[in-house]
N, C-alpha and C. Protein backbone atom coordinates (compact mmCIF):
# COMPACT_ATOMS: atom_id res chain seq x y z
N MET A 1 22.35 12.62 29.40
CA MET A 1 20.87 12.05 29.00
C MET A 1 20.60 11.85 27.62
N ASP A 2 21.11 12.70 26.85
CA ASP A 2 20.90 12.79 25.57
C ASP A 2 21.62 11.67 24.89
N LYS A 3 22.74 11.53 25.46
CA LYS A 3 23.68 10.20 24.75
C LYS A 3 22.85 8.92 25.09
N GLN A 4 22.16 8.69 26.18
CA GLN A 4 21.60 7.51 26.31
C GLN A 4 20.27 7.28 25.55
N VAL A 5 19.80 8.44 25.22
CA VAL A 5 18.44 8.31 24.31
C VAL A 5 19.04 7.93 22.83
N LEU A 6 20.06 8.72 22.33
CA LEU A 6 20.60 8.49 21.16
C LEU A 6 21.06 7.09 20.94
N SER A 7 21.91 6.57 21.86
CA SER A 7 22.14 5.29 21.83
C SER A 7 21.05 4.00 21.81
N ARG A 8 20.13 4.52 22.61
CA ARG A 8 18.96 3.52 22.64
C ARG A 8 18.32 3.57 21.31
N SER A 9 18.08 4.79 20.52
CA SER A 9 17.40 4.90 19.47
C SER A 9 18.24 4.12 18.35
N ARG A 10 19.36 4.25 18.36
CA ARG A 10 20.30 3.53 17.27
C ARG A 10 20.12 2.11 17.40
N ARG A 11 20.25 1.53 18.55
CA ARG A 11 19.98 0.08 18.90
C ARG A 11 18.52 -0.38 18.35
N SER A 12 17.72 0.45 18.58
CA SER A 12 16.29 -0.13 18.28
C SER A 12 16.34 -0.08 16.58
N CYS A 13 16.99 1.04 15.88
CA CYS A 13 16.96 0.92 14.58
C CYS A 13 17.68 -0.25 13.89
N ARG A 14 18.74 -0.69 14.59
CA ARG A 14 19.67 -2.00 14.07
C ARG A 14 18.55 -3.06 14.12
N THR A 15 17.87 -3.27 14.96
CA THR A 15 17.10 -4.48 15.14
C THR A 15 15.91 -4.50 14.39
N MET A 16 15.44 -3.34 13.70
CA MET A 16 14.25 -3.23 12.99
C MET A 16 14.41 -3.79 11.51
N GLY A 17 15.65 -3.86 11.15
CA GLY A 17 15.80 -4.09 9.62
C GLY A 17 16.87 -5.32 9.36
N PHE A 18 17.15 -5.71 8.09
CA PHE A 18 18.02 -6.58 7.76
C PHE A 18 19.36 -5.96 7.42
N THR A 19 20.42 -6.54 7.45
CA THR A 19 21.65 -5.97 7.02
C THR A 19 21.92 -6.24 5.34
N LEU A 20 22.61 -5.78 4.73
CA LEU A 20 22.86 -5.88 3.26
C LEU A 20 23.42 -7.34 3.01
N ILE A 21 24.15 -7.85 3.97
CA ILE A 21 24.88 -9.16 3.80
C ILE A 21 23.76 -10.20 4.01
N GLU A 22 22.76 -10.02 5.02
CA GLU A 22 21.62 -10.77 5.36
C GLU A 22 20.71 -11.01 4.02
N LEU A 23 20.68 -9.95 3.34
CA LEU A 23 19.67 -9.89 2.26
C LEU A 23 20.52 -10.53 1.06
N LEU A 24 21.72 -10.26 0.83
CA LEU A 24 22.75 -10.99 -0.19
C LEU A 24 22.51 -12.59 0.01
N ILE A 25 22.69 -12.87 1.22
CA ILE A 25 22.69 -14.34 1.42
C ILE A 25 21.37 -14.86 1.24
N VAL A 26 20.25 -14.32 1.45
CA VAL A 26 18.81 -14.89 1.25
C VAL A 26 18.84 -14.93 -0.39
N VAL A 27 19.20 -13.96 -1.27
CA VAL A 27 19.18 -13.93 -2.52
C VAL A 27 19.95 -14.89 -3.11
N MET A 28 21.10 -15.16 -2.66
CA MET A 28 21.94 -16.24 -3.16
C MET A 28 21.38 -17.56 -2.84
N VAL A 29 20.82 -17.89 -1.66
CA VAL A 29 20.00 -19.20 -1.44
C VAL A 29 18.96 -19.57 -2.44
N LEU A 30 18.07 -18.49 -2.57
CA LEU A 30 17.15 -18.52 -3.41
C LEU A 30 17.52 -18.74 -4.78
N ALA A 31 18.73 -18.09 -5.41
CA ALA A 31 19.13 -18.32 -6.74
C ALA A 31 19.69 -19.85 -6.78
N ILE A 32 20.21 -20.47 -5.73
CA ILE A 32 20.70 -21.61 -5.77
C ILE A 32 19.63 -22.73 -5.79
N LEU A 33 18.57 -22.38 -5.17
CA LEU A 33 17.35 -23.37 -5.18
C LEU A 33 16.84 -23.11 -6.51
N MET A 34 16.82 -21.83 -7.18
CA MET A 34 16.11 -21.84 -8.58
C MET A 34 16.84 -22.73 -9.52
N ALA A 35 18.24 -22.71 -9.45
CA ALA A 35 19.24 -23.29 -10.46
C ALA A 35 19.09 -24.80 -10.29
N VAL A 36 18.71 -25.25 -9.20
CA VAL A 36 18.53 -26.75 -8.98
C VAL A 36 16.95 -27.05 -9.28
N ALA A 37 15.93 -26.23 -9.03
CA ALA A 37 14.51 -26.66 -9.16
C ALA A 37 14.08 -26.25 -10.69
N LEU A 38 14.77 -25.35 -11.45
CA LEU A 38 14.30 -24.94 -12.75
C LEU A 38 14.50 -26.13 -13.82
N PRO A 39 15.63 -26.60 -14.05
CA PRO A 39 15.75 -27.96 -14.82
C PRO A 39 14.97 -28.99 -14.53
N LEU A 40 14.64 -29.22 -13.16
CA LEU A 40 13.79 -30.44 -12.91
C LEU A 40 12.54 -30.01 -13.31
N TYR A 41 12.05 -28.92 -13.23
CA TYR A 41 10.55 -28.51 -13.64
C TYR A 41 10.47 -28.53 -15.16
N LEU A 42 11.37 -28.03 -15.89
CA LEU A 42 11.24 -27.98 -17.38
C LEU A 42 11.35 -29.43 -17.80
N GLY A 43 12.22 -30.32 -17.27
CA GLY A 43 12.07 -31.70 -17.65
C GLY A 43 10.69 -32.38 -17.20
N ALA A 44 9.96 -32.06 -16.27
CA ALA A 44 8.83 -32.56 -15.98
C ALA A 44 7.77 -32.02 -16.96
N VAL A 45 7.98 -30.84 -17.41
CA VAL A 45 6.90 -30.42 -18.29
C VAL A 45 7.01 -31.01 -19.71
N LYS A 46 8.24 -31.24 -20.12
CA LYS A 46 8.64 -31.90 -21.50
C LYS A 46 8.13 -33.20 -21.43
N SER A 47 8.34 -34.01 -20.33
CA SER A 47 8.06 -35.39 -20.12
C SER A 47 6.40 -35.65 -20.04
N SER A 48 5.76 -34.72 -19.37
CA SER A 48 4.15 -34.60 -19.41
C SER A 48 3.67 -34.26 -20.84
N GLU A 49 4.36 -33.36 -21.65
CA GLU A 49 3.79 -33.06 -22.79
C GLU A 49 4.16 -34.25 -24.14
N ARG A 50 5.08 -35.10 -23.75
CA ARG A 50 5.44 -36.25 -24.42
C ARG A 50 4.28 -37.47 -24.17
N THR A 51 4.01 -37.35 -22.77
CA THR A 51 3.10 -38.35 -22.32
C THR A 51 1.51 -37.99 -22.89
N ALA A 52 1.37 -36.76 -22.94
CA ALA A 52 -0.01 -36.35 -23.45
C ALA A 52 0.11 -36.57 -24.79
N CYS A 53 1.22 -36.68 -25.60
CA CYS A 53 1.14 -36.91 -26.96
C CYS A 53 0.96 -38.32 -27.37
N ARG A 54 1.47 -39.06 -26.48
CA ARG A 54 1.66 -40.52 -26.69
C ARG A 54 0.16 -41.11 -26.30
N ALA A 55 -0.60 -40.28 -25.36
CA ALA A 55 -1.97 -40.67 -25.00
C ALA A 55 -2.86 -40.29 -26.15
N ASN A 56 -2.60 -39.37 -26.97
CA ASN A 56 -3.41 -38.92 -28.01
C ASN A 56 -3.11 -39.86 -29.29
N MET A 57 -2.03 -40.23 -29.45
CA MET A 57 -1.84 -41.41 -30.22
C MET A 57 -2.42 -42.66 -30.03
N GLN A 58 -2.48 -43.08 -28.71
CA GLN A 58 -3.49 -44.25 -28.40
C GLN A 58 -4.94 -44.09 -28.71
N THR A 59 -5.30 -42.94 -28.40
CA THR A 59 -6.59 -42.53 -28.53
C THR A 59 -7.01 -42.79 -30.09
N ILE A 60 -6.04 -42.31 -30.88
CA ILE A 60 -6.48 -42.52 -32.37
C ILE A 60 -6.25 -43.78 -32.63
N ALA A 61 -5.60 -44.76 -32.16
CA ALA A 61 -5.47 -46.15 -32.43
C ALA A 61 -6.68 -46.89 -32.06
N ASN A 62 -7.20 -46.38 -30.80
CA ASN A 62 -8.41 -46.99 -30.36
C ASN A 62 -9.60 -46.45 -31.19
N ALA A 63 -9.60 -45.25 -31.78
CA ALA A 63 -10.86 -45.02 -32.81
C ALA A 63 -10.77 -45.78 -34.10
N ASP A 64 -9.22 -45.97 -34.41
CA ASP A 64 -9.34 -46.80 -35.58
C ASP A 64 -9.80 -48.20 -35.34
N GLN A 65 -9.73 -48.85 -34.30
CA GLN A 65 -10.10 -50.06 -33.90
C GLN A 65 -11.63 -50.16 -34.09
N ALA A 66 -12.19 -48.92 -33.56
CA ALA A 66 -13.72 -48.84 -33.41
C ALA A 66 -14.14 -48.59 -34.80
N TYR A 67 -13.53 -47.93 -35.57
CA TYR A 67 -13.91 -47.85 -36.89
C TYR A 67 -13.77 -48.99 -37.76
N ARG A 68 -12.80 -49.77 -37.37
CA ARG A 68 -12.49 -51.12 -38.23
C ARG A 68 -13.76 -52.26 -37.71
N ALA A 69 -14.19 -52.12 -36.51
CA ALA A 69 -15.24 -53.02 -35.98
C ALA A 69 -16.51 -52.62 -36.62
N ARG A 70 -16.76 -51.27 -36.74
CA ARG A 70 -17.99 -50.59 -37.29
C ARG A 70 -18.19 -51.11 -38.83
N ASN A 71 -17.19 -51.02 -39.54
CA ASN A 71 -17.08 -51.24 -41.07
C ASN A 71 -16.52 -52.48 -41.43
N PHE A 72 -16.82 -53.69 -40.56
CA PHE A 72 -15.97 -54.85 -40.51
C PHE A 72 -15.71 -55.48 -41.94
N PRO A 73 -16.47 -56.08 -42.59
CA PRO A 73 -16.02 -57.00 -43.66
C PRO A 73 -15.36 -56.00 -44.71
N SER A 74 -16.02 -54.77 -44.89
CA SER A 74 -15.31 -53.93 -46.02
C SER A 74 -14.15 -53.04 -45.52
N TYR A 75 -13.76 -53.05 -44.42
CA TYR A 75 -12.76 -52.10 -43.84
C TYR A 75 -11.44 -52.26 -44.70
N THR A 76 -10.81 -51.11 -44.98
CA THR A 76 -9.55 -51.03 -45.47
C THR A 76 -8.71 -49.90 -44.68
N TYR A 77 -7.62 -50.12 -44.48
CA TYR A 77 -6.83 -49.14 -43.66
C TYR A 77 -6.90 -47.92 -44.31
N SER A 78 -7.17 -46.64 -43.41
CA SER A 78 -7.04 -45.43 -43.92
C SER A 78 -6.05 -44.56 -43.52
N THR A 79 -5.44 -43.80 -44.18
CA THR A 79 -4.42 -42.85 -43.65
C THR A 79 -4.51 -41.52 -43.36
N THR A 80 -6.04 -41.30 -43.17
CA THR A 80 -6.35 -39.76 -43.00
C THR A 80 -7.15 -40.07 -41.66
N LEU A 81 -7.15 -38.88 -40.93
CA LEU A 81 -7.78 -38.87 -39.58
C LEU A 81 -9.35 -38.38 -39.65
N SER A 82 -9.61 -37.78 -40.72
CA SER A 82 -10.82 -37.42 -41.02
C SER A 82 -11.84 -38.54 -41.18
N ASP A 83 -11.33 -39.76 -41.56
CA ASP A 83 -12.16 -40.98 -41.49
C ASP A 83 -12.44 -41.23 -40.12
N LEU A 84 -11.62 -41.12 -39.00
CA LEU A 84 -11.95 -41.55 -37.83
C LEU A 84 -12.45 -40.38 -37.00
N ASN A 85 -13.01 -39.28 -37.59
CA ASN A 85 -13.69 -38.27 -36.79
C ASN A 85 -15.04 -38.76 -36.12
N SER A 86 -15.88 -39.58 -36.68
CA SER A 86 -16.94 -40.08 -35.80
C SER A 86 -16.64 -40.95 -34.61
N ASP A 87 -15.37 -41.40 -34.76
CA ASP A 87 -15.09 -42.14 -33.59
C ASP A 87 -14.38 -41.36 -32.54
N LEU A 88 -13.42 -40.57 -33.04
CA LEU A 88 -12.76 -39.64 -32.10
C LEU A 88 -13.72 -38.40 -31.46
N GLY A 89 -14.53 -38.12 -32.14
CA GLY A 89 -15.25 -36.88 -31.73
C GLY A 89 -14.69 -35.44 -32.20
N SER A 90 -13.42 -35.17 -31.86
CA SER A 90 -12.75 -34.22 -32.45
C SER A 90 -11.34 -34.87 -32.52
N THR A 91 -10.47 -34.21 -33.44
CA THR A 91 -9.07 -34.55 -33.73
C THR A 91 -8.26 -34.08 -32.63
N PRO A 92 -7.49 -35.10 -31.84
CA PRO A 92 -6.54 -34.78 -30.70
C PRO A 92 -5.38 -33.74 -31.31
N LEU A 93 -4.92 -32.73 -30.45
CA LEU A 93 -4.04 -31.93 -30.82
C LEU A 93 -2.69 -32.14 -30.06
N CYS A 94 -1.59 -32.33 -30.58
CA CYS A 94 -0.32 -32.51 -29.84
C CYS A 94 -0.14 -31.43 -28.99
N PRO A 95 0.34 -31.36 -27.58
CA PRO A 95 0.65 -30.05 -26.96
C PRO A 95 1.54 -29.12 -27.51
N TRP A 96 2.32 -29.42 -28.34
CA TRP A 96 3.37 -28.42 -29.11
C TRP A 96 2.96 -28.26 -30.37
N THR A 97 1.72 -28.27 -30.60
CA THR A 97 1.16 -28.06 -32.14
C THR A 97 1.80 -29.15 -33.05
N GLY A 98 2.08 -30.10 -32.79
CA GLY A 98 2.71 -31.29 -33.89
C GLY A 98 1.30 -31.76 -34.67
N ALA A 99 1.54 -32.41 -35.77
CA ALA A 99 0.41 -32.98 -36.34
C ALA A 99 0.38 -34.44 -36.46
N TYR A 100 -0.58 -35.11 -36.22
CA TYR A 100 -0.64 -36.66 -36.29
C TYR A 100 -0.80 -37.01 -37.80
N SER A 101 -0.20 -38.35 -37.78
CA SER A 101 -0.41 -38.85 -39.14
C SER A 101 -0.67 -40.40 -39.05
N ILE A 102 -1.38 -41.09 -39.81
CA ILE A 102 -1.56 -42.60 -39.78
C ILE A 102 -0.69 -43.17 -41.00
N VAL A 103 -0.03 -44.20 -40.80
CA VAL A 103 0.72 -44.85 -41.76
C VAL A 103 0.60 -46.45 -41.61
N VAL A 104 0.32 -47.01 -42.74
CA VAL A 104 0.39 -48.58 -42.93
C VAL A 104 1.71 -48.80 -43.06
N SER A 105 2.11 -49.85 -42.09
CA SER A 105 3.36 -50.47 -42.42
C SER A 105 3.84 -51.05 -43.56
N ASP A 106 5.06 -50.89 -44.17
CA ASP A 106 5.24 -51.64 -45.17
C ASP A 106 6.32 -52.87 -44.87
N GLY A 107 6.68 -52.95 -43.51
CA GLY A 107 7.64 -53.87 -42.96
C GLY A 107 8.99 -53.23 -42.52
N SER A 108 9.22 -51.94 -43.03
CA SER A 108 10.37 -51.34 -42.85
C SER A 108 10.50 -50.34 -41.82
N GLN A 109 9.43 -50.01 -41.15
CA GLN A 109 9.22 -49.07 -39.95
C GLN A 109 9.51 -49.79 -38.62
N THR A 110 9.97 -49.03 -37.72
CA THR A 110 10.21 -49.56 -36.17
C THR A 110 9.50 -48.64 -35.49
N ALA A 111 9.19 -49.31 -34.36
CA ALA A 111 8.33 -48.67 -33.11
C ALA A 111 9.45 -48.03 -32.32
N ASP A 112 9.06 -47.37 -31.17
CA ASP A 112 10.16 -46.58 -30.38
C ASP A 112 11.02 -47.59 -29.63
N ASN A 113 10.59 -48.74 -29.59
CA ASN A 113 11.35 -49.84 -28.80
C ASN A 113 12.34 -50.56 -29.57
N GLY A 114 12.34 -50.28 -30.87
CA GLY A 114 13.33 -50.93 -31.93
C GLY A 114 12.48 -51.99 -32.55
N GLN A 115 11.56 -52.55 -32.19
CA GLN A 115 10.82 -53.59 -32.86
C GLN A 115 10.48 -53.09 -34.26
N VAL A 116 10.28 -54.07 -35.33
CA VAL A 116 9.84 -53.85 -36.53
C VAL A 116 8.40 -53.98 -36.43
N VAL A 117 7.57 -53.11 -37.06
CA VAL A 117 6.27 -53.02 -37.18
C VAL A 117 5.83 -53.96 -38.43
N PRO A 118 5.28 -55.01 -37.97
CA PRO A 118 4.80 -55.98 -39.27
C PRO A 118 4.13 -55.27 -40.44
N THR A 119 4.22 -55.99 -41.57
CA THR A 119 3.65 -55.40 -42.78
C THR A 119 1.97 -55.30 -42.51
N GLY A 120 1.43 -54.18 -42.92
CA GLY A 120 0.07 -54.05 -42.66
C GLY A 120 -0.27 -53.50 -41.40
N GLY A 121 0.74 -53.36 -40.40
CA GLY A 121 0.41 -52.82 -39.10
C GLY A 121 0.25 -51.40 -39.06
N LEU A 122 -0.52 -50.97 -38.16
CA LEU A 122 -0.88 -49.37 -38.12
C LEU A 122 0.28 -48.64 -37.49
N ILE A 123 0.53 -47.65 -37.82
CA ILE A 123 1.56 -46.72 -37.21
C ILE A 123 0.92 -45.23 -37.12
N ILE A 124 1.04 -44.78 -35.80
CA ILE A 124 0.47 -43.32 -35.65
C ILE A 124 1.76 -42.67 -35.10
N GLN A 125 2.02 -41.31 -35.84
CA GLN A 125 3.00 -40.71 -35.51
C GLN A 125 2.73 -39.27 -35.32
N CYS A 126 3.62 -38.59 -34.52
CA CYS A 126 3.56 -37.06 -34.49
C CYS A 126 4.64 -36.40 -35.40
N SER A 127 4.31 -35.22 -35.94
CA SER A 127 5.31 -34.82 -36.78
C SER A 127 6.74 -34.05 -35.98
N LEU A 128 6.59 -34.06 -34.41
CA LEU A 128 7.58 -33.43 -33.82
C LEU A 128 8.55 -34.50 -33.47
N THR A 129 9.83 -34.18 -33.51
CA THR A 129 10.71 -35.05 -33.11
C THR A 129 10.95 -35.23 -31.42
N GLY A 130 11.00 -36.54 -31.38
CA GLY A 130 11.06 -36.74 -29.80
C GLY A 130 9.70 -37.14 -29.01
N HIS A 131 8.65 -37.12 -30.06
CA HIS A 131 7.34 -37.77 -29.54
C HIS A 131 7.09 -39.00 -29.94
N GLY A 132 7.99 -39.53 -30.86
CA GLY A 132 8.03 -41.03 -31.14
C GLY A 132 6.79 -41.28 -32.02
N VAL A 133 6.70 -42.59 -31.98
CA VAL A 133 5.50 -43.42 -32.85
C VAL A 133 4.70 -44.18 -31.99
N TYR A 134 3.51 -44.55 -32.33
CA TYR A 134 2.68 -45.53 -31.50
C TYR A 134 2.14 -46.36 -32.81
N SER A 135 2.25 -47.79 -32.26
CA SER A 135 1.89 -49.07 -33.11
C SER A 135 1.10 -49.69 -32.04
N PRO A 136 -0.15 -49.90 -32.43
CA PRO A 136 -1.07 -50.60 -31.62
C PRO A 136 -0.62 -52.10 -31.41
N SER A 137 0.02 -52.75 -32.49
CA SER A 137 0.40 -54.18 -32.61
C SER A 137 1.53 -54.11 -31.88
N ILE A 138 2.46 -53.24 -31.26
CA ILE A 138 3.57 -53.48 -30.56
C ILE A 138 3.61 -52.72 -29.09
N ASP A 139 3.12 -51.52 -29.22
CA ASP A 139 3.29 -50.69 -27.88
C ASP A 139 2.05 -51.12 -27.00
N SER A 140 2.34 -51.18 -25.76
CA SER A 140 1.31 -51.64 -24.79
C SER A 140 1.21 -50.32 -23.76
N GLU A 141 1.46 -49.17 -24.19
CA GLU A 141 1.36 -47.98 -23.35
C GLU A 141 -0.03 -47.45 -23.42
């Protein structure tokens, strides 16, 4: 009778937990899923930061247009963001702490799509590489 009780208790112990092989398989499956998902996630984060930076550049271009309309006949292009603070409210910040600058084209600069920005055209750029430039005369984003 003791053998029956002993064998019954061993069987119940085996059914209560996972074997080492089962746990290793689960860990391997999770590692494979992470290996696939992590690069996709990091790519999405990078893309969203670039998109936010481009949106900030477009906001600066819109503020420049408002500044130009308000100061119409005497408006001259400014290359400082401080002139636009009344229209911006606050200076936008790049998600990766890049700095924005405004440049008036001399005809030699190109936009992200490869088109030459006309002389006198406005160019807003981020100091970080990969975030590109925004020219309201060319870009439609």
